[in-house]
């Protein structure tokens, strides 16, 4: 009976060690997953590149740069999943990119991770449109000719068009403004011709199709 008891105890110890190893493996793995869909249609974004970066504290020293913790691409349903080793990280950054789309950046607090329990993110992607505005001073032109143009659209960080004034002065002006904005949107603008005694103001807008370059020519 004592032999059987000792054997039973040994089996329990072995099982405990095995289960502890499993738990240890799990405790050393973080998982992040999510779905990327198009903002306007909610359709899945297929083949988008996903990169997770981490900033590591090693031996009490903070690396001043981010390292890649894992990479993948979205599948046919827009889904992605990255499993990566647990480290002493101070910050995580998730980046989603694809040609013709605005990049998505997400900062993730390491405290949000729980070993072996996925963090889930639902992300919306926005297609780009390019806008080219040609400013042309038609013949005859004079040295006192002056025009101003300003974009009126407010698309937050998803544009580099800005709302500052562009000013063009003098004769023989043939210049252009290039910028990007969310696709399939109207970009309103204010155009002021100050070449005459009284200013001539025009408020209008131009439709910018996704994945295309829209050309607007303004002659004065």
C-alpha atoms as a PDB file:
ATOM      1  CA  UNK A   1       0.000   0.000   0.000  1.00  0.00           C
ATOM      2  CA  UNK A   2       2.855   2.393   0.772  1.00  0.00           C
ATOM      3  CA  UNK A   3       4.378   1.556  -2.645  1.00  0.00           C
ATOM      4  CA  UNK A   4       1.104   2.371  -4.408  1.00  0.00           C
ATOM      5  CA  UNK A   5       0.790   5.592  -2.438  1.00  0.00           C
ATOM      6  CA  UNK A   6       4.333   6.635  -3.358  1.00  0.00           C
ATOM      7  CA  UNK A   7       3.712   5.760  -7.009  1.00  0.00           C
ATOM      8  CA  UNK A   8       0.481   7.774  -7.014  1.00  0.00           C
ATOM      9  CA  UNK A   9       2.302  10.726  -5.446  1.00  0.00           C
ATOM     10  CA  UNK A  10       5.053  10.492  -8.106  1.00  0.00           C
ATOM     11  CA  UNK A  11       2.430  10.550 -10.869  1.00  0.00           C
ATOM     12  CA  UNK A  12       0.856  13.659  -9.388  1.00  0.00           C
ATOM     13  CA  UNK A  13       4.254  15.360  -9.272  1.00  0.00           C
ATOM     14  CA  UNK A  14       4.916  14.506 -12.946  1.00  0.00           C
ATOM     15  CA  UNK A  15       1.496  15.781 -13.981  1.00  0.00           C
ATOM     16  CA  UNK A  16       2.060  18.987 -11.998  1.00  0.00           C
ATOM     17  CA  UNK A  17       5.421  19.549 -13.699  1.00  0.00           C
ATOM     18  CA  UNK A  18       3.926  18.945 -17.154  1.00  0.00           C
ATOM     19  CA  UNK A  19       0.982  21.253 -16.519  1.00  0.00           C
ATOM     20  CA  UNK A  20       3.309  23.892 -15.057  1.00  0.00           C
ATOM     21  CA  UNK A  21       5.426  23.837 -18.218  1.00  0.00           C
ATOM     22  CA  UNK A  22       2.318  24.329 -20.329  1.00  0.00           C
ATOM     23  CA  UNK A  23       1.236  27.241 -18.206  1.00  0.00           C
ATOM     24  CA  UNK A  24       4.739  28.703 -18.398  1.00  0.00           C
ATOM     25  CA  UNK A  25       4.702  28.512 -22.196  1.00  0.00           C
ATOM     26  CA  UNK A  26       1.355  30.260 -22.246  1.00  0.00           C
ATOM     27  CA  UNK A  27       2.535  32.844 -19.777  1.00  0.00           C
ATOM     28  CA  UNK A  28       5.357  33.768 -22.159  1.00  0.00           C
ATOM     29  CA  UNK A  29       3.115  34.407 -25.169  1.00  0.00           C
ATOM     30  CA  UNK A  30       1.060  37.476 -26.056  1.00  0.00           C
ATOM     31  CA  UNK A  31      -1.497  37.548 -28.865  1.00  0.00           C
ATOM     32  CA  UNK A  32      -2.966  40.453 -30.784  1.00  0.00           C
ATOM     33  CA  UNK A  33      -5.660  39.991 -33.401  1.00  0.00           C
ATOM     34  CA  UNK A  34      -8.194  42.069 -35.244  1.00  0.00           C
ATOM     35  CA  UNK A  35     -10.157  42.859 -38.371  1.00  0.00           C
ATOM     36  CA  UNK A  36      -9.394  45.616 -40.890  1.00  0.00           C
ATOM     37  CA  UNK A  37     -12.357  46.875 -42.921  1.00  0.00           C
ATOM     38  CA  UNK A  38     -12.973  49.780 -45.278  1.00  0.00           C
ATOM     39  CA  UNK A  39     -14.413  52.756 -43.466  1.00  0.00           C
ATOM     40  CA  UNK A  40     -17.177  53.670 -45.926  1.00  0.00           C
ATOM     41  CA  UNK A  41     -18.308  50.200 -47.071  1.00  0.00           C
ATOM     42  CA  UNK A  42     -17.289  47.969 -44.137  1.00  0.00           C
ATOM     43  CA  UNK A  43     -15.852  45.511 -46.683  1.00  0.00           C
ATOM     44  CA  UNK A  44     -12.825  43.472 -45.543  1.00  0.00           C
ATOM     45  CA  UNK A  45      -9.382  44.818 -46.405  1.00  0.00           C
ATOM     46  CA  UNK A  46      -7.472  41.880 -47.895  1.00  0.00           C
ATOM     47  CA  UNK A  47      -3.691  41.550 -47.989  1.00  0.00           C
ATOM     48  CA  UNK A  48      -2.933  44.556 -45.786  1.00  0.00           C
ATOM     49  CA  UNK A  49       0.472  44.451 -44.088  1.00  0.00           C
ATOM     50  CA  UNK A  50       0.418  44.322 -40.281  1.00  0.00           C
ATOM     51  CA  UNK A  51       3.502  45.053 -38.198  1.00  0.00           C
ATOM     52  CA  UNK A  52       3.708  45.063 -34.415  1.00  0.00           C
ATOM     53  CA  UNK A  53       6.663  46.943 -32.912  1.00  0.00           C
ATOM     54  CA  UNK A  54       7.910  46.925 -29.335  1.00  0.00           C
ATOM     55  CA  UNK A  55      10.177  49.132 -27.245  1.00  0.00           C
ATOM     56  CA  UNK A  56      12.161  46.918 -24.885  1.00  0.00           C
ATOM     57  CA  UNK A  57      13.785  47.546 -21.510  1.00  0.00           C
ATOM     58  CA  UNK A  58      16.853  45.286 -21.301  1.00  0.00           C
ATOM     59  CA  UNK A  59      19.040  45.059 -18.180  1.00  0.00           C
ATOM     60  CA  UNK A  60      17.506  48.288 -16.952  1.00  0.00           C
ATOM     61  CA  UNK A  61      18.421  50.093 -20.184  1.00  0.00           C
ATOM     62  CA  UNK A  62      15.741  51.494 -22.492  1.00  0.00           C
ATOM     63  CA  UNK A  63      16.295  50.974 -26.192  1.00  0.00           C
ATOM     64  CA  UNK A  64      15.631  54.250 -27.949  1.00  0.00           C
ATOM     65  CA  UNK A  65      14.072  52.535 -30.945  1.00  0.00           C
ATOM     66  CA  UNK A  66      11.255  50.126 -31.718  1.00  0.00           C
ATOM     67  CA  UNK A  67      11.886  46.555 -32.853  1.00  0.00           C
ATOM     68  CA  UNK A  68       9.578  44.330 -34.862  1.00  0.00           C
ATOM     69  CA  UNK A  69       7.750  41.893 -32.590  1.00  0.00           C
ATOM     70  CA  UNK A  70       5.726  40.232 -35.342  1.00  0.00           C
ATOM     71  CA  UNK A  71       4.379  40.649 -38.862  1.00  0.00           C
ATOM     72  CA  UNK A  72       1.515  39.235 -40.904  1.00  0.00           C
ATOM     73  CA  UNK A  73      -1.097  40.131 -43.527  1.00  0.00           C
ATOM     74  CA  UNK A  74      -4.880  40.207 -43.408  1.00  0.00           C
ATOM     75  CA  UNK A  75      -6.785  37.266 -44.876  1.00  0.00           C
ATOM     76  CA  UNK A  76      -9.886  37.233 -47.081  1.00  0.00           C
ATOM     77  CA  UNK A  77     -12.060  38.349 -44.187  1.00  0.00           C
ATOM     78  CA  UNK A  78      -9.677  41.143 -43.189  1.00  0.00           C
ATOM     79  CA  UNK A  79      -8.589  39.168 -40.115  1.00  0.00           C
ATOM     80  CA  UNK A  80      -5.060  39.077 -38.715  1.00  0.00           C
ATOM     81  CA  UNK A  81      -3.370  37.486 -35.706  1.00  0.00           C
ATOM     82  CA  UNK A  82       0.146  37.833 -34.291  1.00  0.00           C
ATOM     83  CA  UNK A  83       1.588  35.733 -31.464  1.00  0.00           C
ATOM     84  CA  UNK A  84       4.862  36.938 -30.011  1.00  0.00           C
ATOM     85  CA  UNK A  85       7.123  36.288 -26.988  1.00  0.00           C
ATOM     86  CA  UNK A  86       6.399  38.177 -23.821  1.00  0.00           C
ATOM     87  CA  UNK A  87       9.156  40.675 -23.028  1.00  0.00           C
ATOM     88  CA  UNK A  88       9.769  43.580 -20.696  1.00  0.00           C
ATOM     89  CA  UNK A  89       8.262  46.114 -23.097  1.00  0.00           C
ATOM     90  CA  UNK A  90       7.395  49.702 -22.297  1.00  0.00           C
ATOM     91  CA  UNK A  91       5.229  50.285 -25.364  1.00  0.00           C
ATOM     92  CA  UNK A  92       3.786  48.534 -28.399  1.00  0.00           C
ATOM     93  CA  UNK A  93       2.859  50.055 -31.753  1.00  0.00           C
ATOM     94  CA  UNK A  94       0.679  48.422 -34.391  1.00  0.00           C
ATOM     95  CA  UNK A  95       1.000  49.644 -37.962  1.00  0.00           C
ATOM     96  CA  UNK A  96      -1.339  48.755 -40.849  1.00  0.00           C
ATOM     97  CA  UNK A  97      -0.272  49.668 -44.391  1.00  0.00           C
ATOM     98  CA  UNK A  98      -1.288  49.071 -47.985  1.00  0.00           C
ATOM     99  CA  UNK A  99      -0.536  50.979 -51.174  1.00  0.00           C
ATOM    100  CA  UNK A 100      -3.184  53.578 -51.934  1.00  0.00           C
ATOM    101  CA  UNK A 101      -4.472  53.674 -48.340  1.00  0.00           C
ATOM    102  CA  UNK A 102      -3.754  55.873 -45.358  1.00  0.00           C
ATOM    103  CA  UNK A 103      -1.606  54.060 -42.790  1.00  0.00           C
ATOM    104  CA  UNK A 104      -3.187  53.124 -39.456  1.00  0.00           C
ATOM    105  CA  UNK A 105      -1.195  53.508 -36.233  1.00  0.00           C
ATOM    106  CA  UNK A 106      -2.288  52.176 -32.856  1.00  0.00           C
ATOM    107  CA  UNK A 107      -0.378  52.573 -29.584  1.00  0.00           C
ATOM    108  CA  UNK A 108      -0.937  49.687 -27.186  1.00  0.00           C
ATOM    109  CA  UNK A 109      -0.202  49.692 -23.468  1.00  0.00           C
ATOM    110  CA  UNK A 110       1.692  46.537 -22.389  1.00  0.00           C
ATOM    111  CA  UNK A 111      -0.604  46.377 -19.360  1.00  0.00           C
ATOM    112  CA  UNK A 112      -3.490  45.610 -21.736  1.00  0.00           C
ATOM    113  CA  UNK A 113      -1.977  42.224 -22.584  1.00  0.00           C
ATOM    114  CA  UNK A 114      -2.817  39.049 -20.683  1.00  0.00           C
ATOM    115  CA  UNK A 115      -0.808  35.897 -21.509  1.00  0.00           C
ATOM    116  CA  UNK A 116      -2.561  33.599 -23.993  1.00  0.00           C
ATOM    117  CA  UNK A 117      -5.646  35.872 -24.156  1.00  0.00           C
ATOM    118  CA  UNK A 118      -5.858  37.797 -27.450  1.00  0.00           C
ATOM    119  CA  UNK A 119      -6.320  41.556 -27.622  1.00  0.00           C
ATOM    120  CA  UNK A 120      -8.871  42.243 -30.354  1.00  0.00           C
ATOM    121  CA  UNK A 121      -8.907  45.401 -32.489  1.00  0.00           C
ATOM    122  CA  UNK A 122     -11.475  46.492 -35.061  1.00  0.00           C
ATOM    123  CA  UNK A 123      -9.708  48.888 -37.438  1.00  0.00           C
ATOM    124  CA  UNK A 124     -11.080  51.038 -40.253  1.00  0.00           C
ATOM    125  CA  UNK A 125      -8.976  51.839 -43.313  1.00  0.00           C
ATOM    126  CA  UNK A 126      -9.417  54.891 -45.542  1.00  0.00           C
ATOM    127  CA  UNK A 127      -8.466  54.979 -49.244  1.00  0.00           C
ATOM    128  CA  UNK A 128      -6.390  57.862 -50.571  1.00  0.00           C
ATOM    129  CA  UNK A 129      -7.160  60.323 -53.331  1.00  0.00           C
ATOM    130  CA  UNK A 130      -4.649  62.692 -54.885  1.00  0.00           C
ATOM    131  CA  UNK A 131      -5.524  66.285 -55.768  1.00  0.00           C
ATOM    132  CA  UNK A 132      -3.483  68.378 -58.206  1.00  0.00           C
ATOM    133  CA  UNK A 133      -4.438  72.047 -58.543  1.00  0.00           C
ATOM    134  CA  UNK A 134      -2.866  73.934 -61.452  1.00  0.00           C
ATOM    135  CA  UNK A 135      -2.621  77.701 -61.058  1.00  0.00           C
ATOM    136  CA  UNK A 136      -2.137  79.431 -64.428  1.00  0.00           C
ATOM    137  CA  UNK A 137      -1.917  83.152 -65.109  1.00  0.00           C
ATOM    138  CA  UNK A 138      -3.237  83.379 -68.654  1.00  0.00           C
ATOM    139  CA  UNK A 139      -1.973  85.870 -71.230  1.00  0.00           C
ATOM    140  CA  UNK A 140      -1.902  88.803 -70.894  1.00  0.00           C
ATOM    141  CA  UNK A 141      -0.413  88.798 -67.405  1.00  0.00           C
ATOM    142  CA  UNK A 142       0.928  91.657 -65.316  1.00  0.00           C
ATOM    143  CA  UNK A 143       3.367  92.145 -62.465  1.00  0.00           C
ATOM    144  CA  UNK A 144       0.575  93.215 -60.087  1.00  0.00           C
ATOM    145  CA  UNK A 145      -1.443  90.035 -60.648  1.00  0.00           C
ATOM    146  CA  UNK A 146      -2.133  88.146 -57.421  1.00  0.00           C
ATOM    147  CA  UNK A 147      -4.337  85.216 -56.423  1.00  0.00           C
ATOM    148  CA  UNK A 148      -4.866  83.293 -53.210  1.00  0.00           C
ATOM    149  CA  UNK A 149      -6.321  79.829 -52.651  1.00  0.00           C
ATOM    150  CA  UNK A 150      -7.149  77.907 -49.501  1.00  0.00           C
ATOM    151  CA  UNK A 151      -8.604  74.451 -48.940  1.00  0.00           C
ATOM    152  CA  UNK A 152     -11.719  74.439 -46.760  1.00  0.00           C
ATOM    153  CA  UNK A 153     -12.075  70.702 -46.145  1.00  0.00           C
ATOM    154  CA  UNK A 154     -11.499  69.340 -42.645  1.00  0.00           C
ATOM    155  CA  UNK A 155     -10.261  65.755 -42.807  1.00  0.00           C
ATOM    156  CA  UNK A 156      -8.105  65.842 -39.687  1.00  0.00           C
ATOM    157  CA  UNK A 157      -4.879  63.893 -39.964  1.00  0.00           C
ATOM    158  CA  UNK A 158      -6.043  62.133 -43.115  1.00  0.00           C
ATOM    159  CA  UNK A 159      -4.868  64.931 -45.392  1.00  0.00           C
ATOM    160  CA  UNK A 160      -1.831  67.040 -46.084  1.00  0.00           C
ATOM    161  CA  UNK A 161      -3.769  69.702 -47.998  1.00  0.00           C
ATOM    162  CA  UNK A 162      -4.015  71.908 -44.920  1.00  0.00           C
ATOM    163  CA  UNK A 163      -6.026  75.105 -44.559  1.00  0.00           C
ATOM    164  CA  UNK A 164      -3.222  77.616 -45.081  1.00  0.00           C
ATOM    165  CA  UNK A 165      -3.270  80.186 -47.862  1.00  0.00           C
ATOM    166  CA  UNK A 166      -1.326  79.576 -51.066  1.00  0.00           C
ATOM    167  CA  UNK A 167      -0.378  82.903 -52.658  1.00  0.00           C
ATOM    168  CA  UNK A 168       0.767  83.411 -56.272  1.00  0.00           C
ATOM    169  CA  UNK A 169       1.985  86.793 -57.476  1.00  0.00           C
ATOM    170  CA  UNK A 170       3.364  88.340 -60.634  1.00  0.00           C
ATOM    171  CA  UNK A 171       3.189  87.511 -64.343  1.00  0.00           C
ATOM    172  CA  UNK A 172       3.636  84.153 -66.079  1.00  0.00           C
ATOM    173  CA  UNK A 173       2.524  82.061 -63.103  1.00  0.00           C
ATOM    174  CA  UNK A 174       2.281  78.377 -63.950  1.00  0.00           C
ATOM    175  CA  UNK A 175       2.403  76.448 -60.700  1.00  0.00           C
ATOM    176  CA  UNK A 176       0.619  73.581 -58.971  1.00  0.00           C
ATOM    177  CA  UNK A 177      -0.442  72.335 -55.554  1.00  0.00           C
ATOM    178  CA  UNK A 178      -0.350  68.608 -54.789  1.00  0.00           C
ATOM    179  CA  UNK A 179      -1.901  66.963 -51.763  1.00  0.00           C
ATOM    180  CA  UNK A 180      -3.829  63.884 -50.632  1.00  0.00           C
ATOM    181  CA  UNK A 181      -7.153  63.391 -48.872  1.00  0.00           C
ATOM    182  CA  UNK A 182      -9.658  60.591 -48.149  1.00  0.00           C
ATOM    183  CA  UNK A 183     -10.977  59.176 -51.411  1.00  0.00           C
ATOM    184  CA  UNK A 184     -14.493  59.703 -52.757  1.00  0.00           C
ATOM    185  CA  UNK A 185     -14.888  63.050 -51.015  1.00  0.00           C
ATOM    186  CA  UNK A 186     -15.509  66.640 -52.054  1.00  0.00           C
ATOM    187  CA  UNK A 187     -12.755  69.126 -51.310  1.00  0.00           C
ATOM    188  CA  UNK A 188     -14.153  72.664 -50.966  1.00  0.00           C
ATOM    189  CA  UNK A 189     -11.856  75.593 -51.646  1.00  0.00           C
ATOM    190  CA  UNK A 190     -11.795  79.391 -51.668  1.00  0.00           C
ATOM    191  CA  UNK A 191     -10.137  81.130 -54.612  1.00  0.00           C
ATOM    192  CA  UNK A 192      -9.580  84.916 -54.490  1.00  0.00           C
ATOM    193  CA  UNK A 193      -8.326  86.907 -57.449  1.00  0.00           C
ATOM    194  CA  UNK A 194      -6.754  90.143 -56.191  1.00  0.00           C
ATOM    195  CA  UNK A 195      -5.483  91.308 -59.559  1.00  0.00           C
ATOM    196  CA  UNK A 196      -8.189  93.954 -59.858  1.00  0.00           C
ATOM    197  CA  UNK A 197      -9.345  96.890 -57.801  1.00  0.00           C
ATOM    198  CA  UNK A 198     -11.984  94.718 -56.156  1.00  0.00           C
ATOM    199  CA  UNK A 199     -11.300  91.155 -55.055  1.00  0.00           C
ATOM    200  CA  UNK A 200     -13.123  88.402 -56.905  1.00  0.00           C
ATOM    201  CA  UNK A 201     -13.960  85.477 -54.620  1.00  0.00           C
ATOM    202  CA  UNK A 202     -14.999  82.014 -55.777  1.00  0.00           C
ATOM    203  CA  UNK A 203     -16.104  79.254 -53.412  1.00  0.00           C
ATOM    204  CA  UNK A 204     -16.348  75.873 -55.078  1.00  0.00           C
ATOM    205  CA  UNK A 205     -15.485  72.212 -54.531  1.00  0.00           C
ATOM    206  CA  UNK A 206     -13.938  69.354 -56.456  1.00  0.00           C
ATOM    207  CA  UNK A 207     -14.763  65.634 -56.150  1.00  0.00           C
ATOM    208  CA  UNK A 208     -11.703  63.454 -55.546  1.00  0.00           C
ATOM    209  CA  UNK A 209     -12.116  59.801 -56.490  1.00  0.00           C
ATOM    210  CA  UNK A 210     -10.341  57.143 -54.431  1.00  0.00           C
ATOM    211  CA  UNK A 211      -7.071  55.781 -55.882  1.00  0.00           C
ATOM    212  CA  UNK A 212      -7.088  58.465 -58.593  1.00  0.00           C
ATOM    213  CA  UNK A 213      -5.422  61.847 -59.172  1.00  0.00           C
ATOM    214  CA  UNK A 214      -7.980  64.603 -59.739  1.00  0.00           C
ATOM    215  CA  UNK A 215      -6.718  67.633 -61.660  1.00  0.00           C
ATOM    216  CA  UNK A 216      -8.264  71.061 -61.086  1.00  0.00           C
ATOM    217  CA  UNK A 217      -7.087  73.880 -63.365  1.00  0.00           C
ATOM    218  CA  UNK A 218      -7.629  77.439 -62.229  1.00  0.00           C
ATOM    219  CA  UNK A 219      -6.941  80.122 -64.836  1.00  0.00           C
ATOM    220  CA  UNK A 220      -7.024  83.848 -64.119  1.00  0.00           C
END
